[in-house]
């Protein structure tokens, strides 16, 4: 597992309310998720409050919300992931009110249980199962347990962003335009993917989230690096 690439201080100074923190876990279920999704990221947590205030002082209380296998949806402190490889995914264009709405949507699920059946459905969706075409596979899924009090980390966050109509990886469909003067024109429509079909990596590869690196945000200058040996 890749060690942390940002110091705890820089990570805390960079993370903002509404950000998604991706984590490279090392547990058995984390290893399984990374294998199934062919991704570095096995876990996702939502930042529900900015870790530092305007003066750079730590705020009181836990700042992350996540779905844990054993404890369900819970609040956790940022230092839980200080020593692990992480990535910040930041939504663009949301107002403070919209961030309040999506955070409230996630916080309303505190105490819900982890949906292990959702993991099995994700596996069925991600692994190819010939001869069933991929466009039909999603319809064959059970979409989790069906219990609204159960969730996994990525589905919880995806549902929260969908509550404010923020795109993650929507399905696209092109249909002929109804304009009689443009017979060869097409209009593109977006379809919402069911929240249970999202994996942590989807926030990383989504074109609608900015990838924030604490070292660069702090004002990185390559000329100030101290090398043990002079460069060639």
Foldseek 3Di string as FASTA:
>chain_A
DDWAPDAPLLVLVPDAAFKKKFFQDDDPQSVVLCVLVVHRTRFIWGFHHRQADPVRHGDDDAGIWFQDQVQGTDGDHPVVRRTTYMWIWHFPDDDPVLSVQLSVQLVVLPRFHEFPVLVVLLSQLRDDDPPPDNVCSVVPGPLTPPDPSYYHGQLSSLVSNVVSPQDQDWDKDWDADPDPVCRPDIDIDTHDDRSSNDGPCSSVPGPRIDIDDSCVVVPDDPVPDDDPDDDD
